[in-house]
Amino acid sequence: MATMTIEAILERVQELKNECQEKDEVIRDQQVQIMELEEKMKDLVARYQEQSAQISEINAAASKADELMEKLSEVLA
């Protein structure tokens, strides 16, 4: 079994530490990206809800217009 010198052990520990720091940085970057995407999703959901409400209002107005056109058609007939 090969034995490592203290210097080699310390060097390996430093390498592992550096790798961990790099991975932590990647994780932090990904967490920021996830938070940004979540915010964009919330904005999209809010816009969808607003547009759905607008579509409902337009549909209600269109129905009312159809009713009025039908009544006008009956009056003119």
PDB file of N, CA and C in Angstrom:
ATOM      1  N   MET A   1       0.844  -1.167   0.000  1.00  0.00           N
ATOM      2  CA  MET A   1       0.000   0.000   0.000  1.00  0.00           C
ATOM      3  C   MET A   1       0.892   1.233   0.000  1.00  0.00           C
ATOM      4  N   ALA A   2       0.603   2.144  -0.895  1.00  0.00           N
ATOM      5  CA  ALA A   2       1.416   3.348  -1.014  1.00  0.00           C
ATOM      6  C   ALA A   2       1.022   4.330   0.083  1.00  0.00           C
ATOM      7  N   THR A   3       2.005   4.958   0.630  1.00  0.00           N
ATOM      8  CA  THR A   3       1.736   5.980   1.645  1.00  0.00           C
ATOM      9  C   THR A   3       1.998   7.340   1.026  1.00  0.00           C
ATOM     10  N   MET A   4       1.236   8.328   1.489  1.00  0.00           N
ATOM     11  CA  MET A   4       1.392   9.685   0.959  1.00  0.00           C
ATOM     12  C   MET A   4       2.158  10.514   1.988  1.00  0.00           C
ATOM     13  N   THR A   5       2.940  11.415   1.471  1.00  0.00           N
ATOM     14  CA  THR A   5       3.640  12.324   2.364  1.00  0.00           C
ATOM     15  C   THR A   5       2.655  13.382   2.845  1.00  0.00           C
ATOM     16  N   ILE A   6       3.002  14.053   3.882  1.00  0.00           N
ATOM     17  CA  ILE A   6       2.151  15.115   4.410  1.00  0.00           C
ATOM     18  C   ILE A   6       1.939  16.188   3.349  1.00  0.00           C
ATOM     19  N   GLU A   7       2.996  16.500   2.602  1.00  0.00           N
ATOM     20  CA  GLU A   7       2.881  17.497   1.548  1.00  0.00           C
ATOM     21  C   GLU A   7       1.877  17.053   0.478  1.00  0.00           C
ATOM     22  N   ALA A   8       1.938  15.777   0.095  1.00  0.00           N
ATOM     23  CA  ALA A   8       1.024  15.249  -0.913  1.00  0.00           C
ATOM     24  C   ALA A   8      -0.412  15.262  -0.392  1.00  0.00           C
ATOM     25  N   ILE A   9      -0.571  14.923   0.875  1.00  0.00           N
ATOM     26  CA  ILE A   9      -1.905  14.946   1.489  1.00  0.00           C
ATOM     27  C   ILE A   9      -2.439  16.372   1.497  1.00  0.00           C
ATOM     28  N   LEU A  10      -1.619  17.336   1.905  1.00  0.00           N
ATOM     29  CA  LEU A  10      -2.044  18.735   1.941  1.00  0.00           C
ATOM     30  C   LEU A  10      -2.364  19.238   0.543  1.00  0.00           C
ATOM     31  N   GLU A  11      -1.580  18.832  -0.427  1.00  0.00           N
ATOM     32  CA  GLU A  11      -1.825  19.233  -1.805  1.00  0.00           C
ATOM     33  C   GLU A  11      -3.158  18.672  -2.290  1.00  0.00           C
ATOM     34  N   ARG A  12      -3.411  17.398  -1.974  1.00  0.00           N
ATOM     35  CA  ARG A  12      -4.670  16.772  -2.382  1.00  0.00           C
ATOM     36  C   ARG A  12      -5.861  17.438  -1.681  1.00  0.00           C
ATOM     37  N   VAL A  13      -5.694  17.764  -0.420  1.00  0.00           N
ATOM     38  CA  VAL A  13      -6.751  18.458   0.319  1.00  0.00           C
ATOM     39  C   VAL A  13      -7.045  19.806  -0.337  1.00  0.00           C
ATOM     40  N   GLN A  14      -6.006  20.517  -0.726  1.00  0.00           N
ATOM     41  CA  GLN A  14      -6.186  21.815  -1.393  1.00  0.00           C
ATOM     42  C   GLN A  14      -6.900  21.643  -2.732  1.00  0.00           C
ATOM     43  N   GLU A  15      -6.522  20.603  -3.484  1.00  0.00           N
ATOM     44  CA  GLU A  15      -7.188  20.326  -4.754  1.00  0.00           C
ATOM     45  C   GLU A  15      -8.676  20.062  -4.538  1.00  0.00           C
ATOM     46  N   LEU A  16      -8.980  19.247  -3.537  1.00  0.00           N
ATOM     47  CA  LEU A  16     -10.380  18.939  -3.237  1.00  0.00           C
ATOM     48  C   LEU A  16     -11.138  20.186  -2.794  1.00  0.00           C
ATOM     49  N   LYS A  17     -10.459  21.025  -2.038  1.00  0.00           N
ATOM     50  CA  LYS A  17     -11.066  22.278  -1.594  1.00  0.00           C
ATOM     51  C   LYS A  17     -11.396  23.170  -2.786  1.00  0.00           C
ATOM     52  N   ASN A  18     -10.458  23.264  -3.716  1.00  0.00           N
ATOM     53  CA  ASN A  18     -10.665  24.066  -4.923  1.00  0.00           C
ATOM     54  C   ASN A  18     -11.823  23.507  -5.755  1.00  0.00           C
ATOM     55  N   GLU A  19     -11.872  22.196  -5.878  1.00  0.00           N
ATOM     56  CA  GLU A  19     -12.960  21.572  -6.629  1.00  0.00           C
ATOM     57  C   GLU A  19     -14.306  21.890  -5.975  1.00  0.00           C
ATOM     58  N   CYS A  20     -14.341  21.815  -4.658  1.00  0.00           N
ATOM     59  CA  CYS A  20     -15.575  22.120  -3.934  1.00  0.00           C
ATOM     60  C   CYS A  20     -15.988  23.579  -4.138  1.00  0.00           C
ATOM     61  N   GLN A  21     -15.025  24.472  -4.118  1.00  0.00           N
ATOM     62  CA  GLN A  21     -15.330  25.885  -4.334  1.00  0.00           C
ATOM     63  C   GLN A  21     -15.888  26.116  -5.740  1.00  0.00           C
ATOM     64  N   GLU A  22     -15.297  25.447  -6.720  1.00  0.00           N
ATOM     65  CA  GLU A  22     -15.777  25.572  -8.096  1.00  0.00           C
ATOM     66  C   GLU A  22     -17.207  25.029  -8.216  1.00  0.00           C
ATOM     67  N   LYS A  23     -17.435  23.886  -7.598  1.00  0.00           N
ATOM     68  CA  LYS A  23     -18.779  23.303  -7.642  1.00  0.00           C
ATOM     69  C   LYS A  23     -19.779  24.194  -6.916  1.00  0.00           C
ATOM     70  N   ASP A  24     -19.378  24.762  -5.791  1.00  0.00           N
ATOM     71  CA  ASP A  24     -20.253  25.676  -5.059  1.00  0.00           C
ATOM     72  C   ASP A  24     -20.614  26.884  -5.916  1.00  0.00           C
ATOM     73  N   GLU A  25     -19.639  27.395  -6.663  1.00  0.00           N
ATOM     74  CA  GLU A  25     -19.888  28.546  -7.537  1.00  0.00           C
ATOM     75  C   GLU A  25     -20.889  28.182  -8.641  1.00  0.00           C
ATOM     76  N   VAL A  26     -20.719  26.993  -9.211  1.00  0.00           N
ATOM     77  CA  VAL A  26     -21.649  26.532 -10.247  1.00  0.00           C
ATOM     78  C   VAL A  26     -23.050  26.404  -9.650  1.00  0.00           C
ATOM     79  N   ILE A  27     -23.146  25.855  -8.451  1.00  0.00           N
ATOM     80  CA  ILE A  27     -24.440  25.699  -7.782  1.00  0.00           C
ATOM     81  C   ILE A  27     -25.069  27.061  -7.518  1.00  0.00           C
ATOM     82  N   ARG A  28     -24.284  28.013  -7.063  1.00  0.00           N
ATOM     83  CA  ARG A  28     -24.815  29.365  -6.819  1.00  0.00           C
ATOM     84  C   ARG A  28     -25.336  29.983  -8.115  1.00  0.00           C
ATOM     85  N   ASP A  29     -24.568  29.825  -9.187  1.00  0.00           N
ATOM     86  CA  ASP A  29     -25.005  30.352 -10.488  1.00  0.00           C
ATOM     87  C   ASP A  29     -26.316  29.700 -10.917  1.00  0.00           C
ATOM     88  N   GLN A  30     -26.417  28.397 -10.727  1.00  0.00           N
ATOM     89  CA  GLN A  30     -27.631  27.694 -11.108  1.00  0.00           C
ATOM     90  C   GLN A  30     -28.811  28.118 -10.232  1.00  0.00           C
ATOM     91  N   GLN A  31     -28.560  28.363  -8.953  1.00  0.00           N
ATOM     92  CA  GLN A  31     -29.629  28.820  -8.072  1.00  0.00           C
ATOM     93  C   GLN A  31     -30.146  30.189  -8.518  1.00  0.00           C
ATOM     94  N   VAL A  32     -29.236  31.063  -8.932  1.00  0.00           N
ATOM     95  CA  VAL A  32     -29.639  32.383  -9.427  1.00  0.00           C
ATOM     96  C   VAL A  32     -30.478  32.210 -10.693  1.00  0.00           C
ATOM     97  N   GLN A  33     -30.037  31.339 -11.592  1.00  0.00           N
ATOM     98  CA  GLN A  33     -30.790  31.098 -12.824  1.00  0.00           C
ATOM     99  C   GLN A  33     -32.178  30.538 -12.517  1.00  0.00           C
ATOM    100  N   ILE A  34     -32.256  29.634 -11.561  1.00  0.00           N
ATOM    101  CA  ILE A  34     -33.543  29.055 -11.175  1.00  0.00           C
ATOM    102  C   ILE A  34     -34.454  30.132 -10.618  1.00  0.00           C
ATOM    103  N   MET A  35     -33.924  30.996  -9.777  1.00  0.00           N
ATOM    104  CA  MET A  35     -34.740  32.071  -9.205  1.00  0.00           C
ATOM    105  C   MET A  35     -35.231  33.015 -10.300  1.00  0.00           C
ATOM    106  N   GLU A  36     -34.364  33.318 -11.260  1.00  0.00           N
ATOM    107  CA  GLU A  36     -34.767  34.177 -12.378  1.00  0.00           C
ATOM    108  C   GLU A  36     -35.865  33.516 -13.201  1.00  0.00           C
ATOM    109  N   LEU A  37     -35.724  32.218 -13.454  1.00  0.00           N
ATOM    110  CA  LEU A  37     -36.741  31.502 -14.218  1.00  0.00           C
ATOM    111  C   LEU A  37     -38.065  31.433 -13.450  1.00  0.00           C
ATOM    112  N   GLU A  38     -37.982  31.233 -12.143  1.00  0.00           N
ATOM    113  CA  GLU A  38     -39.201  31.216 -11.330  1.00  0.00           C
ATOM    114  C   GLU A  38     -39.910  32.559 -11.392  1.00  0.00           C
ATOM    115  N   GLU A  39     -39.133  33.638 -11.355  1.00  0.00           N
ATOM    116  CA  GLU A  39     -39.713  34.980 -11.440  1.00  0.00           C
ATOM    117  C   GLU A  39     -40.384  35.192 -12.800  1.00  0.00           C
ATOM    118  N   LYS A  40     -39.719  34.735 -13.859  1.00  0.00           N
ATOM    119  CA  LYS A  40     -40.296  34.849 -15.194  1.00  0.00           C
ATOM    120  C   LYS A  40     -41.587  34.032 -15.293  1.00  0.00           C
ATOM    121  N   MET A  41     -41.585  32.850 -14.685  1.00  0.00           N
ATOM    122  CA  MET A  41     -42.790  32.020 -14.697  1.00  0.00           C
ATOM    123  C   MET A  41     -43.934  32.717 -13.964  1.00  0.00           C
ATOM    124  N   LYS A  42     -43.638  33.329 -12.830  1.00  0.00           N
ATOM    125  CA  LYS A  42     -44.671  34.056 -12.088  1.00  0.00           C
ATOM    126  C   LYS A  42     -45.232  35.186 -12.936  1.00  0.00           C
ATOM    127  N   ASP A  43     -44.352  35.897 -13.627  1.00  0.00           N
ATOM    128  CA  ASP A  43     -44.793  36.985 -14.504  1.00  0.00           C
ATOM    129  C   ASP A  43     -45.678  36.448 -15.635  1.00  0.00           C
ATOM    130  N   LEU A  44     -45.274  35.320 -16.211  1.00  0.00           N
ATOM    131  CA  LEU A  44     -46.060  34.727 -17.289  1.00  0.00           C
ATOM    132  C   LEU A  44     -47.431  34.275 -16.796  1.00  0.00           C
ATOM    133  N   VAL A  45     -47.465  33.693 -15.611  1.00  0.00           N
ATOM    134  CA  VAL A  45     -48.745  33.259 -15.042  1.00  0.00           C
ATOM    135  C   VAL A  45     -49.641  34.467 -14.803  1.00  0.00           C
ATOM    136  N   ALA A  46     -49.065  35.538 -14.275  1.00  0.00           N
ATOM    137  CA  ALA A  46     -49.847  36.756 -14.032  1.00  0.00           C
ATOM    138  C   ALA A  46     -50.386  37.311 -15.350  1.00  0.00           C
ATOM    139  N   ARG A  47     -49.543  37.349 -16.380  1.00  0.00           N
ATOM    140  CA  ARG A  47     -49.995  37.836 -17.694  1.00  0.00           C
ATOM    141  C   ARG A  47     -51.082  36.940 -18.269  1.00  0.00           C
ATOM    142  N   TYR A  48     -50.920  35.638 -18.097  1.00  0.00           N
ATOM    143  CA  TYR A  48     -51.927  34.692 -18.572  1.00  0.00           C
ATOM    144  C   TYR A  48     -53.266  34.953 -17.886  1.00  0.00           C
ATOM    145  N   GLN A  49     -53.228  35.158 -16.579  1.00  0.00           N
ATOM    146  CA  GLN A  49     -54.461  35.413 -15.846  1.00  0.00           C
ATOM    147  C   GLN A  49     -55.114  36.721 -16.297  1.00  0.00           C
ATOM    148  N   GLU A  50     -54.304  37.741 -16.507  1.00  0.00           N
ATOM    149  CA  GLU A  50     -54.832  39.020 -16.997  1.00  0.00           C
ATOM    150  C   GLU A  50     -55.475  38.854 -18.372  1.00  0.00           C
ATOM    151  N   GLN A  51     -54.783  38.153 -19.243  1.00  0.00           N
ATOM    152  CA  GLN A  51     -55.301  37.961 -20.598  1.00  0.00           C
ATOM    153  C   GLN A  51     -56.549  37.085 -20.589  1.00  0.00           C
ATOM    154  N   SER A  52     -56.587  36.105 -19.704  1.00  0.00           N
ATOM    155  CA  SER A  52     -57.786  35.270 -19.590  1.00  0.00           C
ATOM    156  C   SER A  52     -58.971  36.114 -19.149  1.00  0.00           C
ATOM    157  N   ALA A  53     -58.732  37.007 -18.200  1.00  0.00           N
ATOM    158  CA  ALA A  53     -59.801  37.900 -17.747  1.00  0.00           C
ATOM    159  C   ALA A  53     -60.260  38.808 -18.880  1.00  0.00           C
ATOM    160  N   GLN A  54     -59.311  39.319 -19.647  1.00  0.00           N
ATOM    161  CA  GLN A  54     -59.664  40.172 -20.783  1.00  0.00           C
ATOM    162  C   GLN A  54     -60.468  39.395 -21.827  1.00  0.00           C
ATOM    163  N   ILE A  55     -60.081  38.166 -22.078  1.00  0.00           N
ATOM    164  CA  ILE A  55     -60.809  37.335 -23.046  1.00  0.00           C
ATOM    165  C   ILE A  55     -62.235  37.099 -22.559  1.00  0.00           C
ATOM    166  N   SER A  56     -62.391  36.857 -21.272  1.00  0.00           N
ATOM    167  CA  SER A  56     -63.729  36.663 -20.716  1.00  0.00           C
ATOM    168  C   SER A  56     -64.576  37.916 -20.903  1.00  0.00           C
ATOM    169  N   GLU A  57     -63.977  39.068 -20.665  1.00  0.00           N
ATOM    170  CA  GLU A  57     -64.697  40.335 -20.852  1.00  0.00           C
ATOM    171  C   GLU A  57     -65.075  40.529 -22.316  1.00  0.00           C
ATOM    172  N   ILE A  58     -64.157  40.214 -23.211  1.00  0.00           N
ATOM    173  CA  ILE A  58     -64.428  40.347 -24.645  1.00  0.00           C
ATOM    174  C   ILE A  58     -65.542  39.387 -25.056  1.00  0.00           C
ATOM    175  N   ASN A  59     -65.490  38.166 -24.551  1.00  0.00           N
ATOM    176  CA  ASN A  59     -66.543  37.199 -24.875  1.00  0.00           C
ATOM    177  C   ASN A  59     -67.896  37.665 -24.360  1.00  0.00           C
ATOM    178  N   ALA A  60     -67.918  38.236 -23.162  1.00  0.00           N
ATOM    179  CA  ALA A  60     -69.171  38.751 -22.612  1.00  0.00           C
ATOM    180  C   ALA A  60     -69.695  39.901 -23.481  1.00  0.00           C
ATOM    181  N   ALA A  61     -68.794  40.783 -23.892  1.00  0.00           N
ATOM    182  CA  ALA A  61     -69.191  41.900 -24.749  1.00  0.00           C
ATOM    183  C   ALA A  61     -69.680  41.397 -26.101  1.00  0.00           C
ATOM    184  N   ALA A  62     -69.033  40.376 -26.631  1.00  0.00           N
ATOM    185  CA  ALA A  62     -69.446  39.816 -27.924  1.00  0.00           C
ATOM    186  C   ALA A  62     -70.835  39.186 -27.802  1.00  0.00           C
ATOM    187  N   SER A  63     -71.081  38.502 -26.700  1.00  0.00           N
ATOM    188  CA  SER A  63     -72.409  37.908 -26.485  1.00  0.00           C
ATOM    189  C   SER A  63     -73.473  38.995 -26.400  1.00  0.00           C
ATOM    190  N   LYS A  64     -73.150  40.049 -25.673  1.00  0.00           N
ATOM    191  CA  LYS A  64     -74.081  41.174 -25.548  1.00  0.00           C
ATOM    192  C   LYS A  64     -74.345  41.802 -26.924  1.00  0.00           C
ATOM    193  N   ALA A  65     -73.297  41.947 -27.722  1.00  0.00           N
ATOM    194  CA  ALA A  65     -73.437  42.513 -29.059  1.00  0.00           C
ATOM    195  C   ALA A  65     -74.308  41.602 -29.928  1.00  0.00           C
ATOM    196  N   ASP A  66     -74.104  40.289 -29.806  1.00  0.00           N
ATOM    197  CA  ASP A  66     -74.938  39.351 -30.564  1.00  0.00           C
ATOM    198  C   ASP A  66     -76.408  39.486 -30.171  1.00  0.00           C
ATOM    199  N   GLU A  67     -76.654  39.602 -28.874  1.00  0.00           N
ATOM    200  CA  GLU A  67     -78.028  39.775 -28.395  1.00  0.00           C
ATOM    201  C   GLU A  67     -78.644  41.052 -28.961  1.00  0.00           C
ATOM    202  N   LEU A  68     -77.883  42.134 -28.914  1.00  0.00           N
ATOM    203  CA  LEU A  68     -78.385  43.403 -29.433  1.00  0.00           C
ATOM    204  C   LEU A  68     -78.646  43.326 -30.938  1.00  0.00           C
ATOM    205  N   MET A  69     -77.746  42.665 -31.664  1.00  0.00           N
ATOM    206  CA  MET A  69     -77.939  42.506 -33.108  1.00  0.00           C
ATOM    207  C   MET A  69     -79.193  41.685 -33.398  1.00  0.00           C
ATOM    208  N   GLU A  70     -79.424  40.659 -32.599  1.00  0.00           N
ATOM    209  CA  GLU A  70     -80.605  39.820 -32.785  1.00  0.00           C
ATOM    210  C   GLU A  70     -81.873  40.636 -32.523  1.00  0.00           C
ATOM    211  N   LYS A  71     -81.854  41.427 -31.433  1.00  0.00           N
ATOM    212  CA  LYS A  71     -83.015  42.271 -31.125  1.00  0.00           C
ATOM    213  C   LYS A  71     -83.244  43.305 -32.234  1.00  0.00           C
ATOM    214  N   LEU A  72     -82.152  43.892 -32.718  1.00  0.00           N
ATOM    215  CA  LEU A  72     -82.263  44.887 -33.798  1.00  0.00           C
ATOM    216  C   LEU A  72     -82.836  44.234 -35.059  1.00  0.00           C
ATOM    217  N   SER A  73     -82.352  43.038 -35.332  1.00  0.00           N
ATOM    218  CA  SER A  73     -82.840  42.302 -36.502  1.00  0.00           C
ATOM    219  C   SER A  73     -84.336  42.015 -36.373  1.00  0.00           C
ATOM    220  N   GLU A  74     -84.777  41.668 -35.160  1.00  0.00           N
ATOM    221  CA  GLU A  74     -86.196  41.395 -34.929  1.00  0.00           C
ATOM    222  C   GLU A  74     -87.026  42.671 -35.099  1.00  0.00           C
ATOM    223  N   VAL A  75     -86.483  43.786 -34.594  1.00  0.00           N
ATOM    224  CA  VAL A  75     -87.197  45.065 -34.692  1.00  0.00           C
ATOM    225  C   VAL A  75     -87.317  45.492 -36.156  1.00  0.00           C
ATOM    226  N   LEU A  76     -86.255  45.299 -36.926  1.00  0.00           N
ATOM    227  CA  LEU A  76     -86.252  45.722 -38.318  1.00  0.00           C
ATOM    228  C   LEU A  76     -87.040  44.769 -39.211  1.00  0.00           C
ATOM    229  N   ALA A  77     -87.295  43.555 -38.739  1.00  0.00           N
ATOM    230  CA  ALA A  77     -87.996  42.562 -39.574  1.00  0.00           C
ATOM    231  C   ALA A  77     -89.465  42.784 -39.624  1.00  0.00           C
TER     232      ALA A  77
END
